[in-house]
Protein backbone atom coordinates (compact mmCIF):
# COMPACT_ATOMS: atom_id res chain seq x y z
CA MET A 1 8.08 -28.46 -39.55
CA THR A 2 10.08 -24.88 -40.28
CA ALA A 3 13.81 -24.59 -40.73
CA LEU A 4 14.20 -23.06 -37.38
CA GLN A 5 12.13 -26.01 -35.74
CA ALA A 6 14.32 -28.79 -37.26
CA VAL A 7 17.44 -26.89 -36.08
CA SER A 8 15.80 -26.57 -32.70
CA ARG A 9 15.64 -30.43 -32.47
CA TRP A 10 19.36 -30.58 -33.35
CA PHE A 11 19.98 -28.09 -30.55
CA GLU A 12 17.85 -29.91 -27.58
CA SER A 13 19.61 -32.87 -28.63
CA ASP A 14 23.16 -31.41 -28.50
CA ILE A 15 22.76 -30.08 -25.11
CA SER A 16 20.80 -32.79 -23.17
CA HIS A 17 23.97 -33.50 -21.59
CA ASP A 18 24.74 -30.01 -20.09
CA LYS A 19 22.64 -29.22 -17.10
CA TYR A 20 23.16 -25.36 -17.39
CA PHE A 21 22.36 -25.27 -21.15
CA LYS A 22 19.04 -27.01 -20.77
CA LYS A 23 17.83 -23.87 -19.33
CA ILE A 24 18.06 -22.31 -22.77
CA MET A 25 14.50 -22.16 -24.01
CA ASP A 26 13.38 -22.69 -27.69
CA GLU A 27 12.17 -19.01 -27.37
CA LEU A 28 15.65 -17.76 -26.78
CA TYR A 29 16.96 -19.95 -29.47
CA GLU A 30 14.71 -19.13 -32.02
CA ALA A 31 14.77 -15.30 -31.40
CA LEU A 32 18.53 -15.35 -31.38
CA HIS A 33 18.68 -17.41 -35.07
CA LYS A 34 15.83 -14.77 -36.43
CA SER A 35 17.87 -11.77 -35.31
CA GLN A 36 21.18 -13.47 -36.51
CA THR A 37 19.80 -14.21 -39.95
CA THR A 38 18.10 -10.91 -40.62
CA LEU A 39 21.03 -9.03 -39.21
CA PHE A 40 23.09 -10.83 -41.70
CA CYS A 41 20.73 -10.02 -44.51
CA LEU A 42 20.54 -6.50 -43.38
CA MET A 43 24.29 -6.20 -43.41
CA GLN A 44 24.23 -7.73 -47.27
CA LYS A 45 21.75 -5.44 -48.31
CA THR A 46 23.31 -2.12 -46.67
CA TRP A 47 26.67 -3.39 -48.50
CA VAL A 48 25.01 -3.94 -51.84
CA TYR A 49 23.34 -0.56 -51.58
CA HIS A 50 26.53 0.92 -50.49
CA TRP A 51 27.89 -0.40 -53.81
CA ASN A 52 24.86 0.85 -55.81
CA ILE A 53 24.09 4.06 -54.55
CA ILE A 54 24.08 6.74 -57.38
CA GLY A 55 22.81 10.35 -57.67
CA SER A 56 23.59 13.73 -55.91
CA ASP A 57 23.58 12.20 -52.73
CA PHE A 58 26.18 9.42 -53.69
CA PHE A 59 29.08 10.52 -51.43
CA GLN A 60 27.01 10.87 -48.34
CA LEU A 61 25.05 7.68 -48.77
CA HIS A 62 27.80 5.66 -49.97
CA GLU A 63 29.81 6.93 -46.80
CA ALA A 64 26.72 6.16 -44.20
CA PHE A 65 26.20 2.68 -45.81
CA GLY A 66 29.82 1.71 -45.72
CA ASP A 67 29.86 2.67 -42.03
CA GLN A 68 26.56 0.98 -41.31
CA TYR A 69 27.64 -2.41 -43.08
CA THR A 70 30.78 -2.50 -41.27
CA THR A 71 29.61 -1.99 -38.03
CA MET A 72 27.10 -4.75 -38.85
CA GLN A 73 29.76 -7.18 -39.72
CA SER A 74 31.24 -6.55 -36.35
CA GLU A 75 27.66 -7.12 -34.89
CA LEU A 76 27.21 -10.26 -36.65
CA ASP A 77 30.39 -11.73 -35.43
CA ARG A 78 29.86 -10.70 -31.85
CA LEU A 79 26.57 -12.06 -31.89
CA THR A 80 27.18 -15.18 -33.50
CA GLU A 81 30.22 -15.98 -31.45
CA HIS A 82 27.94 -15.37 -28.29
CA MET A 83 25.57 -18.08 -29.80
CA ARG A 84 28.46 -20.50 -30.21
CA TYR A 85 29.29 -19.98 -26.69
CA LEU A 86 25.78 -21.11 -25.89
CA ARG A 87 26.43 -24.01 -27.78
CA MET A 88 24.15 -22.97 -30.61
CA LYS A 89 25.34 -23.22 -34.19
CA ALA A 90 24.66 -20.41 -36.85
CA ILE A 91 22.67 -21.31 -39.98
CA SER A 92 25.45 -22.19 -42.54
CA GLN A 93 23.61 -22.34 -46.28
CA ILE A 94 22.78 -18.99 -47.56
CA SER A 95 19.32 -20.20 -48.81
CA ARG A 96 18.42 -21.13 -45.28
CA VAL A 97 19.42 -17.79 -43.78
CA VAL A 98 17.60 -15.94 -46.29
CA GLU A 99 14.46 -18.18 -45.80
CA THR A 100 14.57 -17.31 -41.95
CA SER A 101 15.53 -13.63 -42.51
CA GLU A 102 12.67 -11.20 -41.31
CA ILE A 103 13.43 -8.69 -44.08
CA PRO A 104 13.22 -8.85 -47.90
CA GLU A 105 16.21 -9.09 -50.03
CA ALA A 106 17.74 -5.90 -51.72
CA SER A 107 15.09 -4.45 -54.54
CA ALA A 108 16.69 -4.18 -58.13
CA ASN A 109 17.54 -0.83 -59.44
CA PRO A 110 16.11 1.20 -56.51
CA THR A 111 16.11 4.88 -56.02
CA ASP A 112 18.54 6.39 -53.32
CA LYS A 113 15.38 7.46 -51.50
CA LEU A 114 13.86 3.78 -51.55
CA MET A 115 17.04 2.41 -50.38
CA VAL A 116 16.85 4.60 -47.41
CA SER A 117 13.32 3.80 -46.85
CA GLN A 118 13.91 0.18 -47.04
CA LEU A 119 17.02 0.33 -44.85
CA LEU A 120 15.12 2.26 -42.16
CA SER A 121 12.02 -0.29 -42.19
CA ASP A 122 14.71 -2.99 -41.92
CA ASN A 123 16.71 -1.41 -39.05
CA LYS A 124 13.17 -1.05 -37.25
CA LYS A 125 12.55 -4.56 -37.77
CA ILE A 126 15.99 -5.76 -36.37
CA ILE A 127 15.47 -3.53 -33.28
CA ASP A 128 12.00 -5.26 -32.75
CA LEU A 129 13.68 -8.87 -33.28
CA LEU A 130 16.51 -7.87 -30.77
CA THR A 131 13.85 -6.66 -28.33
CA GLU A 132 12.43 -10.33 -28.56
CA VAL A 133 16.00 -11.55 -27.65
CA VAL A 134 16.22 -9.25 -24.77
CA GLU A 135 12.82 -10.22 -23.12
CA SER A 136 13.64 -14.02 -23.95
CA ALA A 137 17.13 -13.73 -22.41
CA GLU A 138 15.84 -12.15 -19.38
CA LYS A 139 13.17 -14.69 -18.68
CA VAL A 140 16.21 -17.34 -18.42
CA ASN A 141 18.67 -15.18 -16.61
CA GLN A 142 20.77 -14.88 -19.56
CA TYR A 143 21.86 -11.23 -19.10
CA THR A 144 25.17 -11.25 -21.04
CA THR A 145 22.80 -12.38 -23.90
CA SER A 146 20.27 -9.58 -23.23
CA ASN A 147 23.33 -6.92 -22.68
CA ILE A 148 24.63 -7.89 -26.22
CA ALA A 149 21.11 -7.33 -27.68
CA GLN A 150 20.73 -4.38 -25.97
CA ASP A 151 23.92 -2.81 -27.36
CA LEU A 152 23.04 -3.82 -30.93
CA ILE A 153 19.60 -1.90 -30.42
CA GLU A 154 21.24 1.21 -29.42
CA THR A 155 23.31 1.04 -32.70
CA HIS A 156 20.26 0.38 -34.90
CA GLY A 157 18.48 3.04 -32.99
CA LYS A 158 21.07 5.47 -33.90
CA PHE A 159 20.71 3.96 -37.96
CA VAL A 160 17.09 4.52 -37.69
CA TRP A 161 17.60 8.38 -36.60
CA MET A 162 20.12 8.94 -39.20
CA LEU A 163 17.97 7.33 -42.09
CA ARG A 164 14.79 9.11 -40.98
CA SER A 165 16.65 12.34 -40.71
CA PHE A 166 17.72 11.73 -44.32
CA LEU A 167 14.13 11.49 -45.45
CA LYS A 168 12.95 14.11 -43.29
CA GLU A 169 10.37 12.09 -41.31
């Protein structure tokens, strides 16, 4: 049994008394949790790279990474508070957050180009996960959930554009 399946069983029993929340499918629940834990790890990775950037592009990347992780902190709060509205609990143990995240941890001593390349890939991944949230949410008429995920997709699309432009891809 995966960590998400175990939490999902808790979720089902916790909401069995409330007819409205019975409509929330496991698919939406798992998509939200994967997105939330992955966004948390992406925020942390971006924050670490913000601290550890060196080289001729220091000022530019330090500022860009700072803006990105700050934005992600707000996004994470918004997404997680919405999950609480849906009576879902965020995974609280850091080890479980890392375990359920869809992106790897920060590399040790990466170059500035590797940092940007990894963050580009990771932002593309979060867009894919948030797209799954949109699709799952709309199946059960959770349009607010869909709208929140779409807002985050827009932001990470901008991050992808900026990081891709830095790498001249």
